[in-house]
Amino acid sequence: MAGYAEAVVDLMHRMGRRVHLLGVSWGAVVALQVALRARHLLHGVVLVGASRGSGRSAEAASSMRARADELRVVGAEAFARSRAPRLVSPGASEELVSTVTQIMASAVRLPGYAYAAEAMASTNLSEQLHDVDVPVLALYGEHDTVTGPPEGEAIAGGIRGAVSVSVARAGHLANQEQPEAVNAWIASFVQIAHRLNPDRPPPT
């Protein structure tokens, strides 16, 4: 996971200015890693459906690693049909479920998915959250059963000054299921975070 974070940090260095970083699901775990490494490059971080990593328990790590084996056996389309509906709330439209399924089926591939699953299974940020020193907004769907409210609240509770928000009528992909609500929270947070962490030259 550190390698993914270093790639993001390298990109931000080349941009030459502070940014607002947003991560969704696995991307949110990468965003937390970035916050631990490059505070001086960030105004703030928005996390949607984040977790501390699957390495927080042996059971969670084993379940994460098993996903790659499942994909290898059943193939991308069957894997997506099985997993995609879990990413949205029970009230999600058939159209949204179909869209999420198609996106997953077209994107999930081996061996990349296995590498990503191993990275997640080996990650546990529980003891590092107190070292995150940038404004953080943790959004999670009310009906998220993938990472869920417990993870969002644990992350916000471990980071000084962080805020957690439950998005009503949304599952794990709250940004796709309730985009207007998520966008409103992000817009408000970006304005506040920018004032708290204004642009200034990074340390040399």
N, C-alpha and C. Protein backbone atom coordinates (compact mmCIF):
# COMPACT_ATOMS: atom_id res chain seq x y z
N MET A 1 0.82 -1.20 0.00
CA MET A 1 0.00 0.00 0.00
C MET A 1 0.86 1.26 0.00
N ALA A 2 2.02 1.16 0.64
CA ALA A 2 2.92 2.31 0.67
C ALA A 2 3.36 2.70 -0.73
N GLY A 3 3.51 1.71 -1.62
CA GLY A 3 3.92 2.01 -2.99
C GLY A 3 2.88 2.82 -3.73
N TYR A 4 1.59 2.48 -3.54
CA TYR A 4 0.53 3.27 -4.16
C TYR A 4 0.57 4.71 -3.65
N ALA A 5 0.77 4.85 -2.34
CA ALA A 5 0.81 6.19 -1.74
C ALA A 5 1.99 6.99 -2.27
N GLU A 6 3.14 6.35 -2.41
CA GLU A 6 4.32 7.07 -2.91
C GLU A 6 4.10 7.57 -4.34
N ALA A 7 3.37 6.81 -5.15
CA ALA A 7 3.07 7.25 -6.51
C ALA A 7 2.21 8.52 -6.49
N VAL A 8 1.25 8.58 -5.56
CA VAL A 8 0.42 9.78 -5.43
C VAL A 8 1.25 10.96 -4.94
N VAL A 9 2.10 10.72 -3.96
CA VAL A 9 2.96 11.79 -3.44
C VAL A 9 3.87 12.33 -4.54
N ASP A 10 4.41 11.45 -5.36
CA ASP A 10 5.28 11.88 -6.46
C ASP A 10 4.52 12.78 -7.43
N LEU A 11 3.28 12.41 -7.74
CA LEU A 11 2.46 13.23 -8.63
C LEU A 11 2.21 14.61 -8.01
N MET A 12 1.89 14.65 -6.72
CA MET A 12 1.64 15.92 -6.06
C MET A 12 2.88 16.79 -6.03
N HIS A 13 4.04 16.19 -5.81
CA HIS A 13 5.30 16.94 -5.85
C HIS A 13 5.48 17.60 -7.22
N ARG A 14 5.18 16.86 -8.29
CA ARG A 14 5.36 17.40 -9.64
C ARG A 14 4.34 18.49 -9.94
N MET A 15 3.17 18.44 -9.28
CA MET A 15 2.19 19.52 -9.45
C MET A 15 2.68 20.81 -8.81
N GLY A 16 3.46 20.69 -7.74
CA GLY A 16 4.09 21.85 -7.14
C GLY A 16 3.17 22.73 -6.30
N ARG A 17 2.04 22.19 -5.86
CA ARG A 17 1.16 22.98 -5.00
C ARG A 17 0.32 22.03 -4.15
N ARG A 18 -0.27 22.62 -3.11
CA ARG A 18 -1.13 21.82 -2.23
C ARG A 18 -2.41 21.42 -2.96
N VAL A 19 -2.94 20.28 -2.54
CA VAL A 19 -4.16 19.79 -3.17
C VAL A 19 -5.15 19.33 -2.09
N HIS A 20 -6.39 19.20 -2.50
CA HIS A 20 -7.41 18.52 -1.72
C HIS A 20 -7.47 17.10 -2.27
N LEU A 21 -7.25 16.11 -1.43
CA LEU A 21 -7.18 14.73 -1.88
C LEU A 21 -8.44 13.98 -1.47
N LEU A 22 -9.06 13.31 -2.43
CA LEU A 22 -10.27 12.51 -2.17
C LEU A 22 -10.01 11.07 -2.55
N GLY A 23 -10.36 10.16 -1.65
CA GLY A 23 -10.22 8.74 -1.93
C GLY A 23 -11.51 8.00 -1.62
N VAL A 24 -11.88 7.07 -2.49
CA VAL A 24 -13.09 6.28 -2.32
C VAL A 24 -12.71 4.81 -2.12
N SER A 25 -13.23 4.19 -1.07
CA SER A 25 -13.02 2.78 -0.78
C SER A 25 -11.52 2.47 -0.64
N TRP A 26 -10.95 1.64 -1.50
CA TRP A 26 -9.53 1.34 -1.40
C TRP A 26 -8.70 2.61 -1.60
N GLY A 27 -9.20 3.50 -2.45
CA GLY A 27 -8.51 4.77 -2.66
C GLY A 27 -8.45 5.61 -1.40
N ALA A 28 -9.42 5.43 -0.51
CA ALA A 28 -9.42 6.16 0.75
C ALA A 28 -8.29 5.67 1.67
N VAL A 29 -7.99 4.38 1.59
CA VAL A 29 -6.88 3.84 2.38
C VAL A 29 -5.56 4.40 1.85
N VAL A 30 -5.45 4.51 0.53
CA VAL A 30 -4.26 5.13 -0.06
C VAL A 30 -4.16 6.60 0.38
N ALA A 31 -5.30 7.29 0.39
CA ALA A 31 -5.31 8.70 0.78
C ALA A 31 -4.82 8.88 2.22
N LEU A 32 -5.21 7.97 3.10
CA LEU A 32 -4.71 8.04 4.48
C LEU A 32 -3.20 7.84 4.53
N GLN A 33 -2.70 6.91 3.72
CA GLN A 33 -1.25 6.70 3.65
C GLN A 33 -0.54 7.97 3.15
N VAL A 34 -1.15 8.64 2.18
CA VAL A 34 -0.57 9.88 1.67
C VAL A 34 -0.54 10.95 2.77
N ALA A 35 -1.61 11.05 3.53
CA ALA A 35 -1.68 12.03 4.62
C ALA A 35 -0.60 11.79 5.66
N LEU A 36 -0.22 10.53 5.86
CA LEU A 36 0.83 10.20 6.81
C LEU A 36 2.22 10.57 6.28
N ARG A 37 2.35 10.69 4.97
CA ARG A 37 3.65 10.93 4.36
C ARG A 37 3.88 12.36 3.88
N ALA A 38 2.82 13.06 3.54
CA ALA A 38 3.01 14.33 2.82
C ALA A 38 2.03 15.40 3.28
N ARG A 39 1.98 15.65 4.57
CA ARG A 39 1.09 16.66 5.11
C ARG A 39 1.27 18.00 4.41
N HIS A 40 2.53 18.35 4.11
CA HIS A 40 2.83 19.66 3.54
C HIS A 40 2.27 19.85 2.14
N LEU A 41 1.81 18.76 1.51
CA LEU A 41 1.25 18.85 0.15
C LEU A 41 -0.27 18.85 0.14
N LEU A 42 -0.88 18.84 1.33
CA LEU A 42 -2.33 18.69 1.41
C LEU A 42 -3.02 19.85 2.10
N HIS A 43 -4.15 20.27 1.52
CA HIS A 43 -5.06 21.15 2.25
C HIS A 43 -5.92 20.31 3.20
N GLY A 44 -6.38 19.18 2.71
CA GLY A 44 -7.23 18.30 3.49
C GLY A 44 -7.51 17.02 2.72
N VAL A 45 -8.15 16.07 3.41
CA VAL A 45 -8.43 14.76 2.82
C VAL A 45 -9.90 14.41 3.04
N VAL A 46 -10.55 13.97 1.96
CA VAL A 46 -11.92 13.47 2.04
C VAL A 46 -11.88 11.96 1.80
N LEU A 47 -12.48 11.21 2.72
CA LEU A 47 -12.52 9.76 2.63
C LEU A 47 -13.96 9.31 2.46
N VAL A 48 -14.22 8.50 1.45
CA VAL A 48 -15.56 7.96 1.21
C VAL A 48 -15.49 6.44 1.31
N GLY A 49 -16.21 5.87 2.26
CA GLY A 49 -16.19 4.42 2.43
C GLY A 49 -14.81 3.90 2.80
N ALA A 50 -14.12 4.58 3.69
CA ALA A 50 -12.75 4.21 4.03
C ALA A 50 -12.70 3.07 5.03
N SER A 51 -11.52 2.50 5.15
CA SER A 51 -11.25 1.54 6.21
C SER A 51 -9.82 1.73 6.68
N ARG A 52 -9.51 1.11 7.82
CA ARG A 52 -8.14 1.17 8.34
C ARG A 52 -7.26 0.09 7.70
N GLY A 53 -7.85 -0.69 6.81
CA GLY A 53 -7.14 -1.80 6.17
C GLY A 53 -7.65 -3.12 6.69
N SER A 54 -7.55 -4.14 5.88
CA SER A 54 -8.05 -5.47 6.26
C SER A 54 -7.11 -6.21 7.19
N GLY A 55 -5.91 -5.67 7.38
CA GLY A 55 -4.96 -6.31 8.28
C GLY A 55 -5.27 -6.10 9.74
N ARG A 56 -6.39 -5.44 10.04
CA ARG A 56 -6.74 -5.20 11.45
C ARG A 56 -7.21 -6.47 12.15
N SER A 57 -7.51 -7.52 11.39
CA SER A 57 -7.83 -8.81 12.00
C SER A 57 -7.45 -9.92 11.03
N ALA A 58 -7.13 -11.09 11.58
CA ALA A 58 -6.77 -12.23 10.74
C ALA A 58 -7.93 -12.64 9.85
N GLU A 59 -9.14 -12.56 10.38
CA GLU A 59 -10.32 -12.93 9.60
C GLU A 59 -10.54 -12.00 8.42
N ALA A 60 -10.41 -10.68 8.66
CA ALA A 60 -10.60 -9.71 7.58
C ALA A 60 -9.51 -9.86 6.52
N ALA A 61 -8.28 -10.11 6.95
CA ALA A 61 -7.17 -10.29 6.00
C ALA A 61 -7.39 -11.52 5.14
N SER A 62 -7.81 -12.61 5.76
CA SER A 62 -8.05 -13.85 5.02
C SER A 62 -9.18 -13.68 4.01
N SER A 63 -10.24 -12.99 4.42
CA SER A 63 -11.36 -12.74 3.52
C SER A 63 -10.94 -11.90 2.32
N MET A 64 -10.10 -10.90 2.57
CA MET A 64 -9.63 -10.05 1.48
C MET A 64 -8.79 -10.86 0.49
N ARG A 65 -7.88 -11.67 0.98
CA ARG A 65 -7.03 -12.48 0.08
C ARG A 65 -7.87 -13.47 -0.72
N ALA A 66 -8.96 -13.95 -0.12
CA ALA A 66 -9.79 -14.94 -0.80
C ALA A 66 -10.50 -14.36 -2.01
N ARG A 67 -10.64 -13.04 -2.05
CA ARG A 67 -11.32 -12.42 -3.20
C ARG A 67 -10.58 -12.70 -4.50
N ALA A 68 -9.26 -12.65 -4.46
CA ALA A 68 -8.48 -12.89 -5.67
C ALA A 68 -8.68 -14.32 -6.16
N ASP A 69 -8.76 -15.26 -5.24
CA ASP A 69 -9.00 -16.66 -5.62
C ASP A 69 -10.39 -16.81 -6.25
N GLU A 70 -11.37 -16.11 -5.68
CA GLU A 70 -12.72 -16.17 -6.24
C GLU A 70 -12.74 -15.62 -7.66
N LEU A 71 -12.07 -14.50 -7.88
CA LEU A 71 -12.01 -13.91 -9.21
C LEU A 71 -11.34 -14.86 -10.19
N ARG A 72 -10.30 -15.52 -9.76
CA ARG A 72 -9.56 -16.45 -10.62
C ARG A 72 -10.45 -17.62 -11.05
N VAL A 73 -11.32 -18.06 -10.16
CA VAL A 73 -12.17 -19.23 -10.44
C VAL A 73 -13.37 -18.87 -11.30
N VAL A 74 -14.08 -17.78 -10.95
CA VAL A 74 -15.37 -17.50 -11.60
C VAL A 74 -15.27 -16.52 -12.76
N GLY A 75 -14.19 -15.72 -12.83
CA GLY A 75 -14.06 -14.74 -13.90
C GLY A 75 -14.66 -13.39 -13.51
N ALA A 76 -14.31 -12.37 -14.29
CA ALA A 76 -14.67 -11.00 -13.94
C ALA A 76 -16.18 -10.75 -13.92
N GLU A 77 -16.90 -11.27 -14.90
CA GLU A 77 -18.33 -10.97 -14.99
C GLU A 77 -19.11 -11.58 -13.83
N ALA A 78 -18.85 -12.84 -13.52
CA ALA A 78 -19.55 -13.49 -12.40
C ALA A 78 -19.13 -12.87 -11.08
N PHE A 79 -17.86 -12.52 -10.96
CA PHE A 79 -17.37 -11.87 -9.75
C PHE A 79 -18.09 -10.55 -9.53
N ALA A 80 -18.24 -9.77 -10.59
CA ALA A 80 -18.92 -8.47 -10.49
C ALA A 80 -20.40 -8.64 -10.16
N ARG A 81 -21.04 -9.61 -10.77
CA ARG A 81 -22.47 -9.84 -10.48
C ARG A 81 -22.68 -10.21 -9.02
N SER A 82 -21.71 -10.89 -8.44
CA SER A 82 -21.82 -11.30 -7.05
C SER A 82 -21.54 -10.16 -6.08
N ARG A 83 -20.50 -9.37 -6.38
CA ARG A 83 -20.04 -8.37 -5.42
C ARG A 83 -20.68 -6.99 -5.60
N ALA A 84 -20.96 -6.58 -6.80
CA ALA A 84 -21.41 -5.21 -7.05
C ALA A 84 -22.67 -4.83 -6.27
N PRO A 85 -23.69 -5.70 -6.18
CA PRO A 85 -24.89 -5.31 -5.43
C PRO A 85 -24.61 -5.00 -3.97
N ARG A 86 -23.52 -5.53 -3.42
CA ARG A 86 -23.20 -5.27 -2.02
C ARG A 86 -22.65 -3.85 -1.81
N LEU A 87 -22.30 -3.20 -2.90
CA LEU A 87 -21.68 -1.88 -2.80
C LEU A 87 -22.69 -0.75 -2.69
N VAL A 88 -23.97 -1.06 -2.85
CA VAL A 88 -25.01 -0.04 -2.79
C VAL A 88 -26.04 -0.47 -1.74
N SER A 89 -26.96 0.43 -1.42
CA SER A 89 -27.96 0.15 -0.39
C SER A 89 -29.06 -0.76 -0.93
N PRO A 90 -29.85 -1.35 -0.05
CA PRO A 90 -30.96 -2.20 -0.51
C PRO A 90 -31.97 -1.45 -1.38
N GLY A 91 -32.04 -0.14 -1.23
CA GLY A 91 -32.99 0.64 -2.01
C GLY A 91 -32.46 1.16 -3.33
N ALA A 92 -31.25 0.76 -3.72
CA ALA A 92 -30.66 1.26 -4.96
C ALA A 92 -31.46 0.80 -6.17
N SER A 93 -31.50 1.64 -7.19
CA SER A 93 -32.24 1.30 -8.40
C SER A 93 -31.54 0.18 -9.16
N GLU A 94 -32.32 -0.54 -9.96
CA GLU A 94 -31.74 -1.58 -10.80
C GLU A 94 -30.73 -0.99 -11.78
N GLU A 95 -31.00 0.22 -12.23
CA GLU A 95 -30.08 0.88 -13.17
C GLU A 95 -28.72 1.12 -12.53
N LEU A 96 -28.72 1.60 -11.28
CA LEU A 96 -27.45 1.83 -10.60
C LEU A 96 -26.71 0.53 -10.35
N VAL A 97 -27.42 -0.49 -9.90
CA VAL A 97 -26.79 -1.79 -9.67
C VAL A 97 -26.16 -2.31 -10.96
N SER A 98 -26.88 -2.16 -12.08
CA SER A 98 -26.36 -2.60 -13.37
C SER A 98 -25.11 -1.82 -13.76
N THR A 99 -25.13 -0.51 -13.51
CA THR A 99 -23.98 0.34 -13.86
C THR A 99 -22.76 -0.06 -13.05
N VAL A 100 -22.95 -0.23 -11.74
CA VAL A 100 -21.84 -0.61 -10.87
C VAL A 100 -21.28 -1.97 -11.28
N THR A 101 -22.17 -2.89 -11.62
CA THR A 101 -21.74 -4.23 -12.05
C THR A 101 -20.91 -4.14 -13.33
N GLN A 102 -21.37 -3.35 -14.29
CA GLN A 102 -20.64 -3.22 -15.56
C GLN A 102 -19.28 -2.59 -15.35
N ILE A 103 -19.21 -1.57 -14.50
CA ILE A 103 -17.93 -0.91 -14.23
C ILE A 103 -16.95 -1.90 -13.62
N MET A 104 -17.43 -2.65 -12.63
CA MET A 104 -16.54 -3.62 -11.97
C MET A 104 -16.09 -4.70 -12.94
N ALA A 105 -17.02 -5.23 -13.72
CA ALA A 105 -16.68 -6.31 -14.66
C ALA A 105 -15.65 -5.87 -15.68
N SER A 106 -15.70 -4.60 -16.09
CA SER A 106 -14.77 -4.11 -17.10
C SER A 106 -13.41 -3.73 -16.52
N ALA A 107 -13.34 -3.57 -15.19
CA ALA A 107 -12.11 -3.04 -14.59
C ALA A 107 -11.31 -4.06 -13.80
N VAL A 108 -11.98 -5.03 -13.18
CA VAL A 108 -11.26 -5.95 -12.29
C VAL A 108 -10.49 -6.98 -13.11
N ARG A 109 -9.20 -7.11 -12.81
CA ARG A 109 -8.33 -7.99 -13.58
C ARG A 109 -7.26 -8.61 -12.68
N LEU A 110 -6.80 -9.78 -13.07
CA LEU A 110 -5.64 -10.41 -12.45
C LEU A 110 -4.43 -10.20 -13.36
N PRO A 111 -3.23 -10.05 -12.82
CA PRO A 111 -2.88 -10.21 -11.41
C PRO A 111 -3.04 -8.94 -10.57
N GLY A 112 -3.43 -7.82 -11.21
CA GLY A 112 -3.51 -6.55 -10.47
C GLY A 112 -4.40 -6.61 -9.26
N TYR A 113 -5.57 -7.27 -9.40
CA TYR A 113 -6.49 -7.34 -8.28
C TYR A 113 -5.88 -8.12 -7.11
N ALA A 114 -5.13 -9.16 -7.43
CA ALA A 114 -4.48 -9.95 -6.37
C ALA A 114 -3.44 -9.11 -5.63
N TYR A 115 -2.68 -8.29 -6.38
CA TYR A 115 -1.70 -7.42 -5.73
C TYR A 115 -2.39 -6.42 -4.80
N ALA A 116 -3.48 -5.85 -5.30
CA ALA A 116 -4.22 -4.87 -4.50
C ALA A 116 -4.83 -5.52 -3.26
N ALA A 117 -5.38 -6.72 -3.42
CA ALA A 117 -5.97 -7.42 -2.28
C ALA A 117 -4.91 -7.75 -1.23
N GLU A 118 -3.73 -8.15 -1.67
CA GLU A 118 -2.65 -8.44 -0.73
C GLU A 118 -2.21 -7.17 -0.01
N ALA A 119 -2.16 -6.05 -0.74
CA ALA A 119 -1.79 -4.77 -0.12
C ALA A 119 -2.79 -4.40 0.97
N MET A 120 -4.09 -4.58 0.67
CA MET A 120 -5.11 -4.25 1.65
C MET A 120 -5.06 -5.21 2.84
N ALA A 121 -4.85 -6.49 2.57
CA ALA A 121 -4.81 -7.49 3.63
C ALA A 121 -3.62 -7.27 4.57
N SER A 122 -2.58 -6.63 4.07
CA SER A 122 -1.37 -6.40 4.86
C SER A 122 -1.37 -5.05 5.57
N THR A 123 -2.45 -4.29 5.43
CA THR A 123 -2.51 -2.93 5.96
C THR A 123 -3.41 -2.85 7.19
N ASN A 124 -2.90 -2.18 8.22
CA ASN A 124 -3.68 -1.84 9.40
C ASN A 124 -3.19 -0.49 9.91
N LEU A 125 -3.99 0.53 9.69
CA LEU A 125 -3.59 1.89 10.05
C LEU A 125 -4.11 2.32 11.42
N SER A 126 -4.65 1.40 12.17
CA SER A 126 -5.27 1.74 13.45
C SER A 126 -4.35 2.52 14.37
N GLU A 127 -3.09 2.11 14.46
CA GLU A 127 -2.16 2.74 15.39
C GLU A 127 -1.48 3.97 14.82
N GLN A 128 -1.77 4.29 13.55
CA GLN A 128 -1.13 5.45 12.92
C GLN A 128 -2.07 6.63 12.73
N LEU A 129 -3.34 6.42 12.99
CA LEU A 129 -4.31 7.48 12.73
C LEU A 129 -3.98 8.76 13.49
N HIS A 130 -3.46 8.62 14.71
CA HIS A 130 -3.17 9.82 15.51
C HIS A 130 -2.06 10.67 14.90
N ASP A 131 -1.32 10.11 13.93
CA ASP A 131 -0.24 10.86 13.27
C ASP A 131 -0.74 11.66 12.07
N VAL A 132 -1.99 11.47 11.67
CA VAL A 132 -2.56 12.25 10.56
C VAL A 132 -2.84 13.66 11.07
N ASP A 133 -2.23 14.64 10.44
CA ASP A 133 -2.31 16.01 10.94
C ASP A 133 -2.77 16.97 9.85
N VAL A 134 -3.84 16.61 9.17
CA VAL A 134 -4.50 17.48 8.19
C VAL A 134 -6.00 17.37 8.43
N PRO A 135 -6.77 18.36 7.97
CA PRO A 135 -8.23 18.24 8.09
C PRO A 135 -8.74 17.02 7.34
N VAL A 136 -9.63 16.26 7.97
CA VAL A 136 -10.15 15.03 7.37
C VAL A 136 -11.67 14.99 7.51
N LEU A 137 -12.34 14.67 6.40
CA LEU A 137 -13.77 14.41 6.39
C LEU A 137 -13.98 12.96 6.00
N ALA A 138 -14.62 12.17 6.85
CA ALA A 138 -14.89 10.76 6.57
C ALA A 138 -16.38 10.58 6.31
N LEU A 139 -16.73 10.29 5.06
CA LEU A 139 -18.11 10.06 4.68
C LEU A 139 -18.35 8.55 4.53
N TYR A 140 -19.48 8.09 5.01
CA TYR A 140 -19.81 6.68 4.84
C TYR A 140 -21.32 6.53 4.67
N GLY A 141 -21.72 5.55 3.89
CA GLY A 141 -23.12 5.31 3.65
C GLY A 141 -23.82 4.73 4.86
N GLU A 142 -25.03 5.18 5.08
CA GLU A 142 -25.84 4.69 6.20
C GLU A 142 -25.98 3.17 6.15
N HIS A 143 -26.08 2.61 4.95
CA HIS A 143 -26.30 1.17 4.79
C HIS A 143 -25.06 0.44 4.26
N ASP A 144 -23.89 1.02 4.47
CA ASP A 144 -22.65 0.41 4.00
C ASP A 144 -22.34 -0.83 4.83
N THR A 145 -22.31 -1.98 4.17
CA THR A 145 -21.96 -3.22 4.85
C THR A 145 -20.57 -3.72 4.48
N VAL A 146 -19.84 -2.95 3.67
CA VAL A 146 -18.49 -3.33 3.26
C VAL A 146 -17.46 -2.83 4.27
N THR A 147 -17.42 -1.53 4.46
CA THR A 147 -16.59 -0.96 5.54
C THR A 147 -17.53 -0.46 6.64
N GLY A 148 -18.50 0.36 6.25
CA GLY A 148 -19.59 0.69 7.15
C GLY A 148 -19.34 1.78 8.17
N PRO A 149 -20.39 2.17 8.86
CA PRO A 149 -20.30 3.20 9.89
C PRO A 149 -19.23 2.94 10.95
N PRO A 150 -19.06 1.69 11.42
CA PRO A 150 -18.03 1.48 12.45
C PRO A 150 -16.63 1.90 12.00
N GLU A 151 -16.28 1.63 10.74
CA GLU A 151 -14.96 2.01 10.25
C GLU A 151 -14.85 3.53 10.10
N GLY A 152 -15.90 4.16 9.52
CA GLY A 152 -15.87 5.61 9.37
C GLY A 152 -15.73 6.31 10.70
N GLU A 153 -16.45 5.83 11.69
CA GLU A 153 -16.40 6.46 13.01
C GLU A 153 -15.07 6.17 13.71
N ALA A 154 -14.51 4.99 13.51
CA ALA A 154 -13.22 4.66 14.11
C ALA A 154 -12.11 5.52 13.53
N ILE A 155 -12.17 5.74 12.21
CA ILE A 155 -11.16 6.57 11.56
C ILE A 155 -11.26 8.02 12.06
N ALA A 156 -12.46 8.56 12.06
CA ALA A 156 -12.64 9.94 12.52
C ALA A 156 -12.28 10.08 13.99
N GLY A 157 -12.60 9.05 14.77
CA GLY A 157 -12.28 9.11 16.19
C GLY A 157 -10.79 9.04 16.47
N GLY A 158 -10.03 8.44 15.56
CA GLY A 158 -8.59 8.32 15.76
C GLY A 158 -7.78 9.48 15.25
N ILE A 159 -8.40 10.38 14.50
CA ILE A 159 -7.69 11.52 13.91
C ILE A 159 -8.18 12.80 14.58
N ARG A 160 -7.28 13.53 15.17
CA ARG A 160 -7.66 14.75 15.89
C ARG A 160 -8.35 15.74 14.96
N GLY A 161 -9.56 16.16 15.34
CA GLY A 161 -10.30 17.16 14.58
C GLY A 161 -11.04 16.63 13.37
N ALA A 162 -10.95 15.33 13.10
CA ALA A 162 -11.64 14.78 11.93
C ALA A 162 -13.15 14.75 12.17
N VAL A 163 -13.88 14.78 11.07
CA VAL A 163 -15.34 14.78 11.12
C VAL A 163 -15.86 13.57 10.35
N SER A 164 -16.82 12.84 10.92
CA SER A 164 -17.45 11.74 10.21
C SER A 164 -18.90 12.08 9.94
N VAL A 165 -19.38 11.67 8.77
CA VAL A 165 -20.75 11.98 8.35
C VAL A 165 -21.38 10.73 7.75
N SER A 166 -22.56 10.39 8.22
CA SER A 166 -23.33 9.29 7.66
C SER A 166 -24.22 9.83 6.54
N VAL A 167 -24.09 9.25 5.36
CA VAL A 167 -24.88 9.67 4.20
C VAL A 167 -26.13 8.82 4.13
N ALA A 168 -27.29 9.44 4.30
CA ALA A 168 -28.55 8.70 4.33
C ALA A 168 -28.85 8.04 3.00
N ARG A 169 -29.49 6.88 3.06
CA ARG A 169 -29.97 6.14 1.88
C ARG A 169 -28.83 5.81 0.92
N ALA A 170 -27.69 5.44 1.48
CA ALA A 170 -26.53 5.10 0.64
C ALA A 170 -25.81 3.89 1.22
N GLY A 171 -25.18 3.14 0.31
CA GLY A 171 -24.34 2.03 0.70
C GLY A 171 -22.88 2.43 0.63
N HIS A 172 -22.01 1.48 0.26
CA HIS A 172 -20.57 1.72 0.23
C HIS A 172 -20.20 2.80 -0.77
N LEU A 173 -20.81 2.77 -1.94
CA LEU A 173 -20.51 3.78 -2.96
C LEU A 173 -21.46 4.97 -2.82
N ALA A 174 -21.34 5.65 -1.69
CA ALA A 174 -22.23 6.77 -1.40
C ALA A 174 -22.12 7.86 -2.45
N ASN A 175 -20.95 8.03 -3.02
CA ASN A 175 -20.75 9.08 -4.04
C ASN A 175 -21.54 8.80 -5.31
N GLN A 176 -21.80 7.54 -5.61
CA GLN A 176 -22.60 7.20 -6.79
C GLN A 176 -24.09 7.14 -6.47
N GLU A 177 -24.40 6.75 -5.23
CA GLU A 177 -25.80 6.56 -4.88
C GLU A 177 -26.48 7.86 -4.45
N GLN A 178 -25.74 8.72 -3.75
CA GLN A 178 -26.27 10.01 -3.30
C GLN A 178 -25.28 11.12 -3.67
N PRO A 179 -25.06 11.33 -4.96
CA PRO A 179 -24.01 12.27 -5.38
C PRO A 179 -24.23 13.70 -4.93
N GLU A 180 -25.47 14.16 -4.91
CA GLU A 180 -25.71 15.55 -4.52
C GLU A 180 -25.33 15.78 -3.06
N ALA A 181 -25.72 14.88 -2.19
CA ALA A 181 -25.38 15.02 -0.77
C ALA A 181 -23.87 14.94 -0.56
N VAL A 182 -23.23 13.97 -1.20
CA VAL A 182 -21.78 13.81 -1.06
C VAL A 182 -21.05 15.04 -1.60
N ASN A 183 -21.46 15.52 -2.76
CA ASN A 183 -20.82 16.70 -3.35
C ASN A 183 -20.98 17.93 -2.46
N ALA A 184 -22.14 18.06 -1.83
CA ALA A 184 -22.37 19.21 -0.95
C ALA A 184 -21.43 19.17 0.26
N TRP A 185 -21.26 18.00 0.85
CA TRP A 185 -20.34 17.86 1.97
C TRP A 185 -18.90 18.15 1.54
N ILE A 186 -18.53 17.63 0.38
CA ILE A 186 -17.17 17.85 -0.11
C ILE A 186 -16.91 19.33 -0.37
N ALA A 187 -17.86 20.00 -1.02
CA ALA A 187 -17.69 21.43 -1.33
C ALA A 187 -17.51 22.25 -0.06
N SER A 188 -18.31 21.96 0.95
CA SER A 188 -18.20 22.70 2.21
C SER A 188 -16.86 22.43 2.88
N PHE A 189 -16.47 21.16 2.90
CA PHE A 189 -15.22 20.79 3.55
C PHE A 189 -14.02 21.41 2.86
N VAL A 190 -14.03 21.41 1.53
CA VAL A 190 -12.90 21.97 0.78
C VAL A 190 -12.69 23.43 1.15
N GLN A 191 -13.76 24.20 1.26
CA GLN A 191 -13.63 25.61 1.62
C GLN A 191 -13.02 25.76 3.01
N ILE A 192 -13.49 24.95 3.97
CA ILE A 192 -12.97 25.04 5.33
C ILE A 192 -11.52 24.60 5.39
N ALA A 193 -11.21 23.45 4.76
CA ALA A 193 -9.85 22.91 4.80
C ALA A 193 -8.87 23.87 4.15
N HIS A 194 -9.29 24.54 3.07
CA HIS A 194 -8.40 25.47 2.39
C HIS A 194 -8.03 26.63 3.30
N ARG A 195 -8.99 27.09 4.10
CA ARG A 195 -8.71 28.18 5.03
C ARG A 195 -7.80 27.71 6.17
N LEU A 196 -7.98 26.47 6.59
CA LEU A 196 -7.15 25.94 7.68
C LEU A 196 -5.72 25.65 7.22
N ASN A 197 -5.57 25.25 5.96
CA ASN A 197 -4.26 24.91 5.39
C ASN A 197 -4.04 25.70 4.13
N PRO A 198 -3.80 27.01 4.21
CA PRO A 198 -3.66 27.84 3.00
C PRO A 198 -2.41 27.50 2.21
N ASP A 199 -2.39 27.93 0.94
CA ASP A 199 -1.22 27.69 0.11
C ASP A 199 0.00 28.40 0.69
N ARG A 200 1.10 27.67 0.75
CA ARG A 200 2.37 28.26 1.11
C ARG A 200 3.45 27.32 0.58
N PRO A 201 4.64 27.84 0.38
CA PRO A 201 5.71 26.99 -0.19
C PRO A 201 5.97 25.78 0.68
N PRO A 202 6.12 24.60 0.08
CA PRO A 202 6.44 23.42 0.87
C PRO A 202 7.82 23.54 1.47
N PRO A 203 8.10 22.86 2.58
CA PRO A 203 9.43 22.91 3.19
C PRO A 203 10.48 22.32 2.26
N THR A 204 11.69 22.86 2.30
CA THR A 204 12.79 22.38 1.44
C THR A 204 13.60 21.33 2.17
